[in-house]
Amino acid sequence: MHVLVLGAGVIGATTACLLARDGHAVTVVDRQPGPGLETSYANGGQLAASHAEPWAGPHVPRLLLKWLARADAPLQVCWLRPDPALWSWMLRFLLNCRRGAQTRNMERAVRLALYSRERMAVLREAIDPDYDALQTGIIHIHRDPRGFARARAVADVMTLAGLERRPISVDEAVAMEPALAHAAPSLAGAFYSPGDETGDAHRFTSAMAAEARRHGATFRYGVTVHGLYRSLRTRRAVMGATTSDGPISADAVVLALGSHSPRVTRTIGLALPIYPAKGYSITLDTRGATGAPTVSLIDDEVRMVYARLGDRLRCAGTAAFEGWTTDMNPARVALTLRNARALFPEGGDYSNPEPWCGLRPSTPDSVPLLGPVPGLDNLFLNTGHGHMGWAMAAGSAQITADLIAGRVPAIDIRGLGLHRFARM
């Protein structure tokens, strides 16, 4: 069948690749001049199932109050914005801060992230993409003993879900990653997830797009999607998109537009609970650096991640809920730089960092929206992955390809669809 994929980020390009390999006629539309040039471009670089802890949790409302007046808060919410979409999203977010909801959401996210890790291994074997991949695991560090204790409870839930995330001593963490020696005296403990990986999401996305084209997919860049439509003039309903290049119809449409997905579905009366969380990164040149880490790290308390990508160090994190603007806030760039330098003072060339910001498409429960839309069986959602898009791309793409082909997905996809928000 003809499948129209909206979005050429890591989610859309990987989905298009698998659909094309299945033999479908695939058209991909993206407003950028190439693949992976928005949220996938300079993200944290981690394929970390161990990072699947939902943002909403019992301790988070207290943290939000604590961070309210802090310009350097890891998570900023612009409460005074006249933005009903933000208020509605935050209400659902707070409802998901209950302990039972956090455990449920974590199980769903870990289930998908672990499956995605498996599918990534299959893709590497089949395609051999070059994206600065490292399979050296990820270390989570904690300075606050109370935060470390909370992380133990999170690790227990993840272990029950099948993920290895084991506690290690500070000495063990430094032995694994000597660049942590500078910060060791301030650490309360750490966790290690040996199955997690790192890599350059933009390079991977480009490789998936190239593989999709090799199997016949067509990419139409520089084309903005304005909305969706459905025609009932034929025996089978035709789904399509209105674009800056005219209408494009197909037998099935995959929505992979990240934070811009709600604006597109609004044209057919469909409200998606997705709001952009702006994240920042800096990329450092590590050539000649004596203290650049080689094992990827997550600093949970300041919401920062660090990934070695060849001769570069990607330092990313923090979140700001301030709408769909991609204007770069110099204060947030400075915060990202300051956090990186404090942890790794010799981690790279801090005199010439490459700053970037992007919009993470976040749901209130930190679980993406996957599968067909109720009542619109040829519109498939593959969006809302938040900070886990790179980590969940391969699994989400495989599930979408399976559903479109009429195959039963290899994992249980209950709880991943839009219906879970029907009563919220």
Protein backbone atom coordinates (compact mmCIF):
# COMPACT_ATOMS: atom_id res chain seq x y z
CA MET A 1 0.00 0.00 0.00
CA HIS A 2 0.99 3.66 -0.20
CA VAL A 3 2.03 5.00 3.22
CA LEU A 4 2.58 8.68 3.90
CA VAL A 5 5.01 9.36 6.76
CA LEU A 6 4.80 12.86 8.21
CA GLY A 7 8.17 13.78 9.70
CA ALA A 8 11.76 12.80 8.87
CA GLY A 9 13.25 12.85 12.35
CA VAL A 10 14.65 9.72 13.93
CA ILE A 11 11.14 8.32 14.49
CA GLY A 12 9.82 9.08 11.00
CA ALA A 13 12.96 8.08 9.10
CA THR A 14 13.31 4.77 10.95
CA THR A 15 9.62 4.02 10.40
CA ALA A 16 9.93 4.87 6.70
CA CYS A 17 12.95 2.58 6.42
CA LEU A 18 11.10 -0.41 7.87
CA LEU A 19 7.98 0.27 5.81
CA ALA A 20 10.00 0.51 2.61
CA ARG A 21 11.83 -2.71 3.46
CA ASP A 22 8.40 -4.31 3.87
CA GLY A 23 7.64 -3.39 0.25
CA HIS A 24 5.25 -0.47 0.76
CA ALA A 25 5.32 2.61 -1.44
CA VAL A 26 6.48 5.22 1.05
CA THR A 27 6.40 9.03 0.85
CA VAL A 28 8.04 11.06 3.61
CA VAL A 29 7.31 14.76 4.09
CA ASP A 30 9.34 17.13 6.26
CA ARG A 31 9.59 20.91 6.40
CA GLN A 32 13.37 20.84 6.85
CA PRO A 33 15.86 20.49 3.94
CA GLY A 34 17.05 17.07 5.15
CA PRO A 35 16.45 14.29 7.70
CA GLY A 36 16.85 14.69 11.43
CA LEU A 37 17.31 18.45 11.53
CA GLU A 38 15.03 19.27 14.46
CA THR A 39 14.79 17.39 17.78
CA SER A 40 16.95 14.53 16.47
CA TYR A 41 19.80 16.81 15.44
CA ALA A 42 21.84 17.33 18.64
CA ASN A 43 20.01 15.44 21.36
CA GLY A 44 21.65 13.71 24.32
CA GLY A 45 22.95 10.85 22.20
CA GLN A 46 21.76 8.12 24.57
CA LEU A 47 19.77 5.00 23.80
CA ALA A 48 19.07 4.60 27.49
CA ALA A 49 16.30 2.29 28.62
CA SER A 50 17.50 3.13 32.14
CA HIS A 51 16.46 6.75 31.53
CA ALA A 52 12.81 5.74 31.14
CA GLU A 53 11.78 7.07 34.53
CA PRO A 54 8.72 9.29 33.91
CA TRP A 55 9.13 12.97 34.64
CA ALA A 56 5.93 12.84 36.72
CA GLY A 57 6.45 11.31 40.18
CA PRO A 58 5.38 11.79 43.81
CA HIS A 59 8.34 14.05 44.64
CA VAL A 60 8.01 16.27 41.54
CA PRO A 61 5.31 18.76 42.72
CA ARG A 62 7.57 19.66 45.66
CA LEU A 63 10.52 20.13 43.29
CA LEU A 64 8.46 22.33 40.98
CA LEU A 65 7.64 24.62 43.92
CA LYS A 66 11.29 24.64 44.97
CA TRP A 67 12.41 25.53 41.45
CA LEU A 68 9.69 28.14 40.86
CA ALA A 69 11.91 31.18 41.40
CA ARG A 70 15.20 29.66 40.23
CA ALA A 71 16.58 30.80 36.88
CA ASP A 72 18.87 27.75 36.87
CA ALA A 73 16.12 25.22 37.64
CA PRO A 74 16.54 21.91 35.76
CA LEU A 75 12.86 22.10 34.83
CA GLN A 76 11.20 25.44 34.17
CA VAL A 77 7.48 25.99 33.68
CA CYS A 78 6.28 29.37 32.45
CA TRP A 79 3.15 29.35 34.61
CA LEU A 80 2.14 32.90 33.69
CA ARG A 81 1.88 32.17 29.98
CA PRO A 82 -1.72 32.61 28.73
CA ASP A 83 -1.53 29.09 27.28
CA PRO A 84 -4.53 26.76 27.84
CA ALA A 85 -2.60 23.92 26.15
CA LEU A 86 0.10 24.16 28.83
CA TRP A 87 -2.40 24.34 31.69
CA SER A 88 -4.32 21.31 30.39
CA TRP A 89 -1.07 19.38 29.93
CA MET A 90 0.18 20.29 33.42
CA LEU A 91 -3.08 19.16 35.03
CA ARG A 92 -2.68 15.74 33.43
CA PHE A 93 0.99 15.76 34.40
CA LEU A 94 0.15 16.37 38.07
CA LEU A 95 -2.42 13.56 37.99
CA ASN A 96 0.38 11.27 36.80
CA CYS A 97 2.55 12.24 39.79
CA ARG A 98 0.75 9.68 41.95
CA ARG A 99 2.95 6.73 42.91
CA GLY A 100 0.74 4.12 41.27
CA ALA A 101 0.66 6.11 38.03
CA GLN A 102 4.44 6.54 38.08
CA THR A 103 5.00 2.79 38.45
CA ARG A 104 2.53 2.00 35.66
CA ASN A 105 4.02 4.56 33.32
CA MET A 106 7.57 3.41 34.05
CA GLU A 107 6.68 -0.19 33.24
CA ARG A 108 5.19 0.86 29.91
CA ALA A 109 8.18 3.03 29.00
CA VAL A 110 10.74 0.40 30.00
CA ARG A 111 8.86 -2.28 28.06
CA LEU A 112 9.09 -0.23 24.87
CA ALA A 113 12.67 0.94 25.47
CA LEU A 114 13.93 -2.63 26.02
CA TYR A 115 12.19 -3.81 22.87
CA SER A 116 13.68 -0.89 20.98
CA ARG A 117 17.14 -1.88 22.20
CA GLU A 118 16.57 -5.35 20.71
CA ARG A 119 15.39 -3.92 17.39
CA MET A 120 18.36 -1.54 17.25
CA ALA A 121 20.68 -4.55 17.41
CA VAL A 122 18.77 -6.10 14.50
CA LEU A 123 19.03 -2.89 12.47
CA ARG A 124 22.77 -2.64 13.09
CA GLU A 125 23.23 -6.18 11.89
CA ALA A 126 21.09 -5.67 8.79
CA ILE A 127 22.18 -2.19 7.71
CA ASP A 128 25.46 -1.44 9.54
CA PRO A 129 24.83 2.32 9.89
CA ASP A 130 27.75 4.54 10.91
CA TYR A 131 26.67 6.75 13.81
CA ASP A 132 29.50 6.76 16.41
CA ALA A 133 27.85 3.92 18.30
CA LEU A 134 29.18 2.76 21.66
CA GLN A 135 27.82 -0.19 23.66
CA THR A 136 29.57 0.57 26.95
CA GLY A 137 26.55 1.05 29.17
CA ILE A 138 25.47 4.14 31.10
CA ILE A 139 26.31 5.31 34.62
CA HIS A 140 23.76 7.28 36.67
CA ILE A 141 25.34 9.46 39.36
CA HIS A 142 23.74 10.96 42.48
CA ARG A 143 24.98 13.55 44.94
CA ASP A 144 21.99 13.76 47.25
CA PRO A 145 21.56 10.68 49.50
CA ARG A 146 17.78 11.15 49.40
CA GLY A 147 17.83 11.24 45.61
CA PHE A 148 19.97 8.13 45.60
CA ALA A 149 17.46 6.37 47.87
CA ARG A 150 14.61 7.32 45.52
CA ALA A 151 16.65 6.04 42.61
CA ARG A 152 16.94 2.67 44.33
CA ALA A 153 13.16 2.37 44.31
CA VAL A 154 13.10 3.33 40.63
CA ALA A 155 15.79 0.75 39.88
CA ASP A 156 13.72 -1.92 41.65
CA VAL A 157 10.72 -1.19 39.43
CA MET A 158 12.90 -1.27 36.32
CA THR A 159 14.47 -4.55 37.41
CA LEU A 160 11.02 -6.11 37.75
CA ALA A 161 10.31 -4.88 34.20
CA GLY A 162 13.40 -6.72 32.93
CA LEU A 163 16.01 -3.95 32.87
CA GLU A 164 19.40 -4.32 34.53
CA ARG A 165 20.16 -1.15 36.49
CA ARG A 166 22.36 -2.13 39.40
CA PRO A 167 23.75 0.05 42.22
CA ILE A 168 27.52 0.53 42.27
CA SER A 169 29.85 2.30 44.67
CA VAL A 170 31.51 5.61 43.88
CA ASP A 171 34.84 3.79 43.62
CA GLU A 172 33.36 1.36 41.10
CA ALA A 173 31.95 4.26 39.09
CA VAL A 174 35.35 5.96 38.98
CA ALA A 175 37.02 2.69 37.98
CA MET A 176 34.57 2.39 35.08
CA GLU A 177 34.94 6.06 34.13
CA PRO A 178 38.12 7.73 35.46
CA ALA A 179 36.87 11.16 34.33
CA LEU A 180 34.52 11.04 37.35
CA ALA A 181 37.46 11.25 39.77
CA HIS A 182 37.11 15.04 40.02
CA ALA A 183 33.48 14.75 41.14
CA ALA A 184 33.87 11.61 43.29
CA PRO A 185 34.00 13.40 46.68
CA SER A 186 30.57 14.94 46.02
CA LEU A 187 28.84 11.69 44.99
CA ALA A 188 26.52 9.66 47.19
CA GLY A 189 26.30 6.68 44.86
CA ALA A 190 25.69 5.49 41.32
CA PHE A 191 23.91 2.96 39.17
CA TYR A 192 25.14 1.14 36.09
CA SER A 193 23.07 -0.11 33.16
CA PRO A 194 25.35 -2.29 31.02
CA GLY A 195 22.87 -2.77 28.16
CA ASP A 196 22.43 0.92 27.35
CA GLU A 197 24.14 2.57 24.39
CA THR A 198 25.11 5.89 22.87
CA GLY A 199 25.31 7.27 19.36
CA ASP A 200 24.71 10.26 17.12
CA ALA A 201 20.96 10.38 16.43
CA HIS A 202 21.34 12.72 13.46
CA ARG A 203 23.83 10.45 11.71
CA PHE A 204 21.63 7.45 12.42
CA THR A 205 18.58 9.27 11.05
CA SER A 206 20.46 10.11 7.86
CA ALA A 207 21.44 6.45 7.49
CA MET A 208 17.81 5.33 7.93
CA ALA A 209 16.65 7.85 5.32
CA ALA A 210 19.30 6.62 2.89
CA GLU A 211 18.26 3.00 3.46
CA ALA A 212 14.60 3.92 2.95
CA ARG A 213 15.44 5.62 -0.35
CA ARG A 214 17.42 2.55 -1.40
CA HIS A 215 14.21 0.57 -1.00
CA GLY A 216 12.19 3.04 -3.05
CA ALA A 217 10.93 5.59 -0.51
CA THR A 218 10.47 9.17 -1.68
CA PHE A 219 11.45 12.07 0.58
CA ARG A 220 9.89 15.49 -0.01
CA TYR A 221 11.85 18.05 1.96
CA GLY A 222 11.00 21.71 2.46
CA VAL A 223 7.30 20.81 2.63
CA THR A 224 5.26 21.98 5.61
CA VAL A 225 2.30 19.90 6.78
CA HIS A 226 -0.74 22.06 7.54
CA GLY A 227 -3.35 19.47 8.44
CA LEU A 228 -4.99 16.12 7.80
CA TYR A 229 -8.06 15.04 5.87
CA ARG A 230 -10.02 11.87 5.25
CA SER A 231 -11.99 11.13 2.10
CA LEU A 232 -14.89 8.68 2.13
CA ARG A 233 -15.55 8.86 -1.60
CA THR A 234 -14.00 5.45 -2.22
CA ARG A 235 -14.69 1.99 -0.77
CA ARG A 236 -11.69 2.36 1.51
CA ALA A 237 -11.27 5.65 3.28
CA VAL A 238 -8.28 7.59 1.99
CA MET A 239 -6.20 9.49 4.52
CA GLY A 240 -4.12 12.46 3.49
CA ALA A 241 -2.33 15.62 4.48
CA THR A 242 -2.66 19.19 3.30
CA THR A 243 0.78 20.66 2.78
CA SER A 244 2.56 23.70 1.42
CA ASP A 245 3.06 21.58 -1.72
CA GLY A 246 -0.60 20.66 -2.07
CA PRO A 247 -2.65 17.71 -0.79
CA ILE A 248 -1.00 14.28 -0.54
CA SER A 249 -3.24 11.24 -0.13
CA ALA A 250 -2.34 7.69 0.87
CA ASP A 251 -3.78 4.40 2.05
CA ALA A 252 -2.28 5.03 5.50
CA VAL A 253 -0.66 7.98 7.25
CA VAL A 254 1.96 7.81 10.00
CA LEU A 255 2.11 10.90 12.19
CA ALA A 256 5.71 11.40 13.39
CA LEU A 257 5.86 15.18 13.66
CA GLY A 258 6.95 15.32 17.28
CA SER A 259 5.89 18.49 19.08
CA HIS A 260 4.03 19.75 16.02
CA SER A 261 1.70 16.74 15.93
CA PRO A 262 -1.15 18.39 17.93
CA ARG A 263 -1.34 21.33 15.55
CA VAL A 264 -1.81 18.97 12.62
CA THR A 265 -4.41 16.68 14.21
CA ARG A 266 -6.42 19.67 15.39
CA THR A 267 -7.62 20.07 11.79
CA ILE A 268 -9.60 16.81 12.09
CA GLY A 269 -10.85 17.54 15.60
CA LEU A 270 -8.31 15.30 17.32
CA ALA A 271 -6.61 16.67 20.45
CA LEU A 272 -3.27 15.10 21.34
CA PRO A 273 -1.86 15.54 24.88
CA ILE A 274 1.59 16.58 23.68
CA TYR A 275 3.45 19.72 24.75
CA PRO A 276 7.01 20.75 23.82
CA ALA A 277 9.72 20.63 26.47
CA LYS A 278 12.63 22.66 25.17
CA GLY A 279 15.95 21.00 25.87
CA TYR A 280 19.48 22.30 25.35
CA SER A 281 22.79 20.75 24.44
CA ILE A 282 26.36 21.78 23.85
CA THR A 283 28.83 19.75 21.83
CA LEU A 284 32.51 19.93 22.75
CA ASP A 285 35.57 19.03 20.72
CA THR A 286 37.44 16.45 22.83
CA ARG A 287 40.63 16.30 20.78
CA GLY A 288 43.50 16.93 23.18
CA ALA A 289 41.19 16.85 26.24
CA THR A 290 42.59 14.89 29.19
CA GLY A 291 39.34 14.46 31.13
CA ALA A 292 36.68 13.59 28.57
CA PRO A 293 34.52 10.60 29.59
CA THR A 294 34.23 7.54 27.37
CA VAL A 295 31.35 5.92 29.25
CA SER A 296 28.05 7.75 28.94
CA LEU A 297 26.62 9.34 32.09
CA ILE A 298 23.36 10.68 33.47
CA ASP A 299 23.39 13.27 36.26
CA ASP A 300 19.82 12.87 37.46
CA GLU A 301 19.72 15.71 39.96
CA VAL A 302 20.54 18.43 37.43
CA ARG A 303 18.78 16.59 34.57
CA MET A 304 21.93 16.37 32.42
CA VAL A 305 23.29 13.60 30.19
CA TYR A 306 26.75 13.16 28.68
CA ALA A 307 27.63 11.02 25.66
CA ARG A 308 30.92 10.52 23.87
CA LEU A 309 30.41 10.66 20.11
CA GLY A 310 33.77 9.97 18.49
CA ASP A 311 35.94 13.02 19.14
CA ARG A 312 32.98 15.01 20.49
CA LEU A 313 31.27 15.18 23.89
CA ARG A 314 27.54 15.85 23.84
CA CYS A 315 26.29 17.51 27.03
CA ALA A 316 22.51 17.86 27.10
CA GLY A 317 19.59 18.36 29.40
CA THR A 318 17.26 20.64 31.36
CA ALA A 319 13.74 21.39 30.17
CA ALA A 320 11.69 24.53 29.72
CA PHE A 321 7.95 24.54 29.07
CA GLU A 322 7.53 27.79 27.19
CA GLY A 323 5.57 26.92 24.07
CA TRP A 324 6.69 26.12 20.56
CA THR A 325 9.44 28.70 20.30
CA THR A 326 12.93 27.52 19.39
CA ASP A 327 14.57 30.81 20.34
CA MET A 328 17.73 30.01 22.27
CA ASN A 329 17.90 31.37 25.82
CA PRO A 330 21.52 32.36 26.56
CA ALA A 331 20.99 31.72 30.28
CA ARG A 332 20.01 28.10 29.60
CA VAL A 333 23.01 27.64 27.33
CA ALA A 334 25.23 29.04 30.08
CA LEU A 335 23.60 26.68 32.61
CA THR A 336 24.30 23.67 30.38
CA LEU A 337 27.89 24.79 29.92
CA ARG A 338 28.32 25.40 33.64
CA ASN A 339 26.98 21.98 34.61
CA ALA A 340 29.25 20.26 32.10
CA ARG A 341 32.36 22.12 33.20
CA ALA A 342 31.63 21.43 36.88
CA LEU A 343 31.46 17.68 36.27
CA PHE A 344 34.22 17.40 33.66
CA PRO A 345 36.55 20.43 33.93
CA GLU A 346 38.90 18.90 31.35
CA GLY A 347 36.14 17.34 29.25
CA GLY A 348 36.70 19.28 26.05
CA ASP A 349 37.17 22.67 24.44
CA TYR A 350 34.86 24.88 26.52
CA SER A 351 36.04 27.97 24.67
CA ASN A 352 34.19 26.97 21.52
CA PRO A 353 31.06 24.95 22.37
CA GLU A 354 28.33 24.27 19.80
CA PRO A 355 25.02 25.19 21.45
CA TRP A 356 21.66 23.83 20.30
CA CYS A 357 18.09 23.60 21.51
CA GLY A 358 15.17 21.45 20.41
CA LEU A 359 11.57 20.69 21.35
CA ARG A 360 10.96 17.30 22.96
CA PRO A 361 7.37 16.16 22.25
CA SER A 362 6.27 15.28 25.77
CA THR A 363 3.16 13.51 27.02
CA PRO A 364 1.97 13.97 30.62
CA ASP A 365 2.93 10.37 31.50
CA SER A 366 6.25 10.23 29.55
CA VAL A 367 4.91 7.38 27.40
CA PRO A 368 4.62 7.90 23.63
CA LEU A 369 1.45 7.63 21.56
CA LEU A 370 1.56 4.58 19.30
CA GLY A 371 -0.95 2.82 17.09
CA PRO A 372 -4.09 3.62 15.11
CA VAL A 373 -6.44 6.39 16.18
CA PRO A 374 -9.81 5.06 17.36
CA GLY A 375 -12.27 5.58 14.52
CA LEU A 376 -9.47 6.38 12.05
CA ASP A 377 -7.90 2.99 11.46
CA ASN A 378 -5.55 4.24 8.72
CA LEU A 379 -4.04 7.07 10.78
CA PHE A 380 -1.17 5.75 12.90
CA LEU A 381 0.41 7.71 15.72
CA ASN A 382 4.15 7.43 16.33
CA THR A 383 4.81 10.55 18.36
CA GLY A 384 5.13 11.99 21.86
CA HIS A 385 8.38 10.22 22.82
CA GLY A 386 9.70 13.14 24.89
CA HIS A 387 13.27 12.66 26.08
CA MET A 388 13.20 8.98 24.96
CA GLY A 389 12.75 9.41 21.20
CA TRP A 390 16.21 8.17 20.23
CA ALA A 391 15.99 5.32 22.73
CA MET A 392 12.55 4.20 21.51
CA ALA A 393 12.87 4.86 17.77
CA ALA A 394 13.65 1.36 16.52
CA GLY A 395 10.97 -0.33 18.62
CA SER A 396 8.30 2.25 17.83
CA ALA A 397 9.09 2.00 14.12
CA GLN A 398 8.84 -1.80 14.18
CA ILE A 399 5.51 -1.74 16.03
CA THR A 400 4.13 0.77 13.49
CA ALA A 401 5.37 -1.29 10.55
CA ASP A 402 3.85 -4.44 12.05
CA LEU A 403 0.47 -2.80 12.61
CA ILE A 404 0.34 -1.43 9.07
CA ALA A 405 1.28 -4.85 7.66
CA GLY A 406 -1.39 -6.56 9.75
CA ARG A 407 1.15 -8.35 11.94
CA VAL A 408 0.81 -8.72 15.68
CA PRO A 409 3.61 -6.71 17.36
CA ALA A 410 6.20 -8.72 19.27
CA ILE A 411 5.43 -6.94 22.56
CA ASP A 412 2.25 -6.05 24.38
CA ILE A 413 1.26 -2.56 23.22
CA ARG A 414 -1.55 -2.07 25.70
CA GLY A 415 -1.24 1.29 27.40
CA LEU A 416 0.68 2.87 24.52
CA GLY A 417 -2.30 4.20 22.59
CA LEU A 418 -4.30 7.43 22.71
CA HIS A 419 -7.22 5.76 24.48
CA ARG A 420 -5.41 5.92 27.85
CA PHE A 421 -6.16 9.66 27.99
CA ALA A 422 -9.87 9.29 27.24
CA ARG A 423 -10.86 9.59 30.92
CA MET A 424 -8.31 12.20 31.99
